Amino acid sequence: MLIVGEPYYSDGLVTIYHGDCREVMSALPDVDCVITSPPYNTLPATNNPSGLHGPKGGRGKWVKKAAEGYADQRDEVEYQEWMLEILSRAFELCRGLMWVNHKTRFRDGVGIHPARMFPWPIYSEVIWDRRGSMALNAKRFAPSHEFLLAFGSPHWWDDNLNTRMTVWRIAPVRGSDHPCPFPRRLISAPIASSCPPDGVVLDPFMGSGTALDEAKRLGRRSIGIEIEERYCEIAADRCSQGVLALGS
């Protein structure tokens, strides 16, 4: 693992760090916008699930890739404390809005809404309509949406995209090297609207680097942090190659 302060990759617009985001963020300067999608703490304990998530349900490869990608089976109290520690540091670094993609998760039959997990004022709320669900047997209306919540207040805002409104119907990305990548269309408008043209975007859970690549396409600088080195390699490769197709 690289020491804090030594980038894994840098090209003038994109800087990638390989390491624990708590350690890396302690040495970073302020940024203009944060946009990130933390682990949801919902993956099965093994990569051999059954039902809709099993091979016959068509999701076996996705679950196997996800389970092998990250340790995502924390005790719920530990998970929420971990999230709060990381995102509190990101919020402190951010001059403007911190956008967090998360969803309502269910524990012992009770929904845990992300707005209850995080204490900061909500400036904007986007509903991501995923156009489908993997929980058709959940004894409740099948969840088919996630949230993109903007915490804090903007220090810069561009009104040009306001007419997009707040419910966005966007299909999840399929066939990616990462199990849960950002769709470009989900993050493009928040970056363009709340990060000034000369600003810096931070993603402390960078994954395969979609937020960084999209920020680069929009002419913004960006910083990404990722604890899994293979995703740092993927992100560095895609950012060095130029912008991928919209939706990837």
Protein backbone atom coordinates (compact mmCIF):
# COMPACT_ATOMS: atom_id res chain seq x y z
CA MET A 1 0.00 0.00 0.00
CA LEU A 2 1.30 3.45 -0.86
CA ILE A 3 2.07 5.92 1.89
CA VAL A 4 -0.28 8.84 2.40
CA GLY A 5 0.75 11.75 0.24
CA GLU A 6 2.10 9.66 -2.64
CA PRO A 7 -0.48 9.43 -5.43
CA TYR A 8 -1.10 6.11 -7.11
CA TYR A 9 -1.87 8.09 -10.29
CA SER A 10 -1.95 11.75 -11.29
CA ASP A 11 -2.43 13.47 -14.65
CA GLY A 12 -3.07 17.10 -13.76
CA LEU A 13 -6.86 16.76 -13.52
CA VAL A 14 -7.19 13.37 -11.77
CA THR A 15 -5.34 12.27 -8.63
CA ILE A 16 -5.82 8.77 -7.21
CA TYR A 17 -4.70 7.54 -3.80
CA HIS A 18 -4.52 3.88 -2.80
CA GLY A 19 -5.22 3.53 0.91
CA ASP A 20 -7.68 3.95 3.76
CA CYS A 21 -9.69 7.08 3.03
CA ARG A 22 -9.59 8.11 6.69
CA GLU A 23 -5.80 8.32 6.58
CA VAL A 24 -5.63 9.93 3.14
CA MET A 25 -8.26 12.58 3.90
CA SER A 26 -6.35 13.66 6.99
CA ALA A 27 -3.67 15.05 4.65
CA LEU A 28 -5.88 16.54 1.93
CA PRO A 29 -6.70 20.22 1.34
CA ASP A 30 -10.30 21.45 1.07
CA VAL A 31 -12.37 20.45 -1.96
CA ASP A 32 -15.39 22.05 -3.63
CA CYS A 33 -17.69 19.05 -3.90
CA VAL A 34 -17.86 15.47 -2.60
CA ILE A 35 -19.74 12.78 -4.49
CA THR A 36 -19.55 9.18 -3.35
CA SER A 37 -21.34 5.86 -2.96
CA PRO A 38 -20.24 4.00 0.18
CA PRO A 39 -20.64 0.26 0.64
CA TYR A 40 -24.21 -0.47 1.77
CA ASN A 41 -23.38 -3.27 4.23
CA THR A 42 -25.83 -5.56 2.46
CA LEU A 43 -23.73 -8.26 0.77
CA PRO A 44 -24.19 -11.90 1.79
CA ALA A 45 -21.62 -13.49 4.06
CA THR A 46 -20.68 -15.95 1.28
CA ASN A 47 -20.53 -15.69 -2.48
CA ASN A 48 -22.83 -18.70 -2.92
CA PRO A 49 -26.31 -17.22 -2.32
CA SER A 50 -29.62 -18.72 -3.38
CA GLY A 51 -33.01 -17.55 -4.66
CA LEU A 52 -33.10 -14.49 -6.87
CA HIS A 53 -29.45 -13.83 -6.09
CA GLY A 54 -28.35 -17.35 -7.04
CA PRO A 55 -27.18 -18.58 -10.43
CA LYS A 56 -30.69 -19.59 -11.49
CA GLY A 57 -31.91 -16.13 -10.57
CA GLY A 58 -29.45 -14.57 -12.94
CA ARG A 59 -27.54 -12.62 -10.26
CA GLY A 60 -24.97 -15.19 -9.16
CA LYS A 61 -22.07 -13.63 -11.05
CA TRP A 62 -22.92 -10.16 -9.70
CA VAL A 63 -23.05 -11.37 -6.07
CA LYS A 64 -19.82 -13.34 -6.48
CA LYS A 65 -18.04 -10.27 -7.90
CA ALA A 66 -19.46 -8.03 -5.17
CA ALA A 67 -18.63 -10.41 -2.32
CA GLU A 68 -15.07 -10.81 -3.59
CA GLY A 69 -14.68 -7.05 -4.09
CA TYR A 70 -15.24 -5.71 -0.60
CA ALA A 71 -15.73 -6.82 2.99
CA ASP A 72 -19.32 -5.63 3.43
CA GLN A 73 -20.67 -7.60 6.40
CA ARG A 74 -20.10 -5.37 9.42
CA ASP A 75 -22.14 -5.26 12.56
CA GLU A 76 -24.76 -2.56 11.92
CA VAL A 77 -23.65 -0.32 14.80
CA GLU A 78 -20.01 -0.64 13.70
CA TYR A 79 -20.99 0.09 10.11
CA GLN A 80 -22.87 3.26 10.97
CA GLU A 81 -20.04 4.51 13.20
CA TRP A 82 -17.55 3.80 10.40
CA MET A 83 -19.69 5.66 7.85
CA LEU A 84 -20.15 8.62 10.14
CA GLU A 85 -16.40 8.86 10.83
CA ILE A 86 -15.48 8.83 7.15
CA LEU A 87 -18.23 11.11 5.87
CA SER A 88 -17.75 13.56 8.75
CA ARG A 89 -14.17 14.05 7.61
CA ALA A 90 -15.30 14.43 3.99
CA PHE A 91 -17.94 16.96 5.07
CA GLU A 92 -15.29 18.98 6.93
CA LEU A 93 -13.12 19.08 3.81
CA CYS A 94 -15.98 20.17 1.56
CA ARG A 95 -16.60 23.86 0.85
CA GLY A 96 -19.87 23.04 -0.88
CA LEU A 97 -22.20 20.06 -1.18
CA MET A 98 -21.47 16.47 -0.20
CA TRP A 99 -23.50 14.11 -2.39
CA VAL A 100 -24.01 10.62 -0.94
CA ASN A 101 -25.64 7.77 -2.86
CA HIS A 102 -27.26 5.36 -0.43
CA LYS A 103 -30.50 3.48 0.05
CA THR A 104 -32.96 2.30 2.67
CA ARG A 105 -31.72 -1.01 4.09
CA PHE A 106 -33.79 -3.38 6.21
CA ARG A 107 -32.65 -4.94 9.48
CA ASP A 108 -35.01 -7.17 11.47
CA GLY A 109 -37.85 -5.97 9.25
CA VAL A 110 -37.23 -2.28 9.96
CA GLY A 111 -36.03 0.15 7.31
CA ILE A 112 -32.88 2.19 7.99
CA HIS A 113 -33.13 5.35 5.92
CA PRO A 114 -29.85 7.10 5.07
CA ALA A 115 -31.30 10.46 6.15
CA ARG A 116 -31.47 9.02 9.68
CA MET A 117 -27.89 7.78 9.56
CA PHE A 118 -26.28 11.11 8.71
CA PRO A 119 -26.80 14.26 10.82
CA TRP A 120 -26.14 17.07 8.33
CA PRO A 121 -28.79 19.32 6.79
CA ILE A 122 -30.12 18.07 3.45
CA TYR A 123 -29.93 20.64 0.67
CA SER A 124 -31.24 18.45 -2.16
CA GLU A 125 -32.69 14.97 -2.58
CA VAL A 126 -32.65 12.96 -5.80
CA ILE A 127 -34.58 9.71 -6.17
CA TRP A 128 -32.72 7.24 -8.38
CA ASP A 129 -35.34 5.02 -10.05
CA ARG A 130 -33.34 1.91 -10.92
CA ARG A 131 -36.09 0.56 -13.20
CA GLY A 132 -36.17 -2.81 -11.44
CA SER A 133 -35.65 -4.68 -8.17
CA MET A 134 -33.86 -7.75 -6.87
CA ALA A 135 -36.19 -8.08 -3.84
CA LEU A 136 -39.45 -9.29 -5.37
CA ASN A 137 -39.97 -11.77 -2.50
CA ALA A 138 -39.33 -9.33 0.36
CA LYS A 139 -42.94 -9.24 1.69
CA ARG A 140 -43.11 -5.52 0.92
CA PHE A 141 -43.34 -3.43 -2.23
CA ALA A 142 -40.14 -4.37 -4.03
CA PRO A 143 -37.53 -1.63 -3.47
CA SER A 144 -36.52 -0.16 -6.82
CA HIS A 145 -34.97 3.16 -5.88
CA GLU A 146 -31.98 4.68 -4.12
CA PHE A 147 -31.20 8.20 -2.92
CA LEU A 148 -28.64 10.78 -3.89
CA LEU A 149 -28.62 13.19 -0.96
CA ALA A 150 -26.76 16.50 -0.98
CA PHE A 151 -25.69 17.53 2.51
CA GLY A 152 -24.62 21.03 3.51
CA SER A 153 -25.00 24.09 1.31
CA PRO A 154 -23.48 24.99 -2.06
CA HIS A 155 -20.84 27.66 -2.33
CA TRP A 156 -21.52 27.61 -6.09
CA TRP A 157 -24.57 26.49 -8.09
CA ASP A 158 -25.41 26.49 -11.81
CA ASP A 159 -29.17 26.76 -12.49
CA ASN A 160 -28.95 25.36 -16.03
CA LEU A 161 -29.89 21.81 -15.05
CA ASN A 162 -32.65 22.59 -12.50
CA THR A 163 -35.35 21.49 -14.97
CA ARG A 164 -34.15 17.91 -14.67
CA MET A 165 -36.21 17.80 -11.46
CA THR A 166 -35.59 15.19 -8.73
CA VAL A 167 -36.68 11.72 -9.93
CA TRP A 168 -34.15 10.23 -12.34
CA ARG A 169 -34.90 6.99 -14.15
CA ILE A 170 -31.51 5.45 -14.82
CA ALA A 171 -30.66 1.79 -15.36
CA PRO A 172 -27.78 0.34 -13.31
CA VAL A 173 -24.51 -0.31 -15.12
CA ARG A 174 -24.04 -3.90 -16.28
CA GLY A 175 -20.90 -5.72 -17.34
CA SER A 176 -18.50 -3.50 -15.39
CA ASP A 177 -15.24 -4.51 -13.72
CA HIS A 178 -16.77 -3.17 -10.48
CA PRO A 179 -19.91 -4.75 -8.92
CA CYS A 180 -21.67 -1.46 -8.15
CA PRO A 181 -20.38 1.37 -10.35
CA PHE A 182 -21.94 4.82 -10.56
CA PRO A 183 -24.00 5.38 -13.70
CA ARG A 184 -22.53 8.47 -15.35
CA ARG A 185 -25.97 10.04 -15.74
CA LEU A 186 -26.48 9.87 -11.97
CA ILE A 187 -23.42 11.96 -11.13
CA SER A 188 -22.94 14.19 -14.16
CA ALA A 189 -25.58 16.78 -13.22
CA PRO A 190 -24.53 17.09 -9.55
CA ILE A 191 -20.91 17.66 -10.55
CA ALA A 192 -21.81 20.17 -13.27
CA SER A 193 -24.28 22.00 -11.03
CA SER A 194 -22.45 22.21 -7.70
CA CYS A 195 -18.72 22.13 -8.50
CA PRO A 196 -17.36 25.32 -10.10
CA PRO A 197 -15.42 24.94 -13.37
CA ASP A 198 -12.11 25.44 -11.56
CA GLY A 199 -13.16 23.29 -8.60
CA VAL A 200 -12.15 19.92 -7.16
CA VAL A 201 -14.39 16.86 -6.70
CA LEU A 202 -13.57 14.26 -4.03
CA ASP A 203 -14.73 10.62 -4.00
CA PRO A 204 -13.45 8.82 -0.87
CA PHE A 205 -14.95 5.50 -2.10
CA MET A 206 -13.65 5.76 -5.65
CA GLY A 207 -14.24 2.21 -6.88
CA SER A 208 -13.53 2.00 -10.62
CA GLY A 209 -13.30 5.79 -10.92
CA THR A 210 -16.51 6.86 -12.67
CA ALA A 211 -16.82 10.07 -10.63
CA LEU A 212 -13.23 11.03 -11.46
CA ASP A 213 -13.61 10.23 -15.15
CA GLU A 214 -16.85 12.22 -15.34
CA ALA A 215 -15.31 15.16 -13.50
CA LYS A 216 -12.47 15.11 -16.02
CA ARG A 217 -14.96 15.07 -18.91
CA LEU A 218 -16.60 18.15 -17.39
CA GLY A 219 -13.26 19.92 -16.98
CA ARG A 220 -13.10 19.64 -13.18
CA ARG A 221 -10.20 18.36 -11.14
CA SER A 222 -10.81 15.36 -8.90
CA ILE A 223 -9.34 13.26 -6.11
CA GLY A 224 -10.25 9.62 -5.61
CA ILE A 225 -9.36 7.26 -2.78
CA GLU A 226 -9.68 3.48 -2.95
CA ILE A 227 -8.52 0.75 -0.58
CA GLU A 228 -8.57 -2.05 -3.20
CA GLU A 229 -5.53 -1.71 -5.46
CA ARG A 230 -7.12 -3.52 -8.41
CA TYR A 231 -9.78 -0.80 -8.61
CA CYS A 232 -7.07 1.87 -8.44
CA GLU A 233 -5.52 0.21 -11.48
CA ILE A 234 -8.84 0.14 -13.34
CA ALA A 235 -9.59 3.77 -12.47
CA ALA A 236 -6.12 4.95 -13.45
CA ASP A 237 -6.37 3.13 -16.75
CA ARG A 238 -9.78 4.56 -17.66
CA CYS A 239 -8.84 8.11 -16.64
CA SER A 240 -5.62 7.92 -18.67
CA GLN A 241 -7.47 6.61 -21.73
CA GLY A 242 -10.01 9.41 -21.86
CA VAL A 243 -13.76 9.47 -21.34
CA LEU A 244 -15.83 6.32 -21.73
CA ALA A 245 -19.30 6.24 -23.20
CA LEU A 246 -22.11 7.89 -21.30
CA GLY A 247 -23.73 5.41 -18.92
CA SER A 248 -20.58 3.33 -18.30
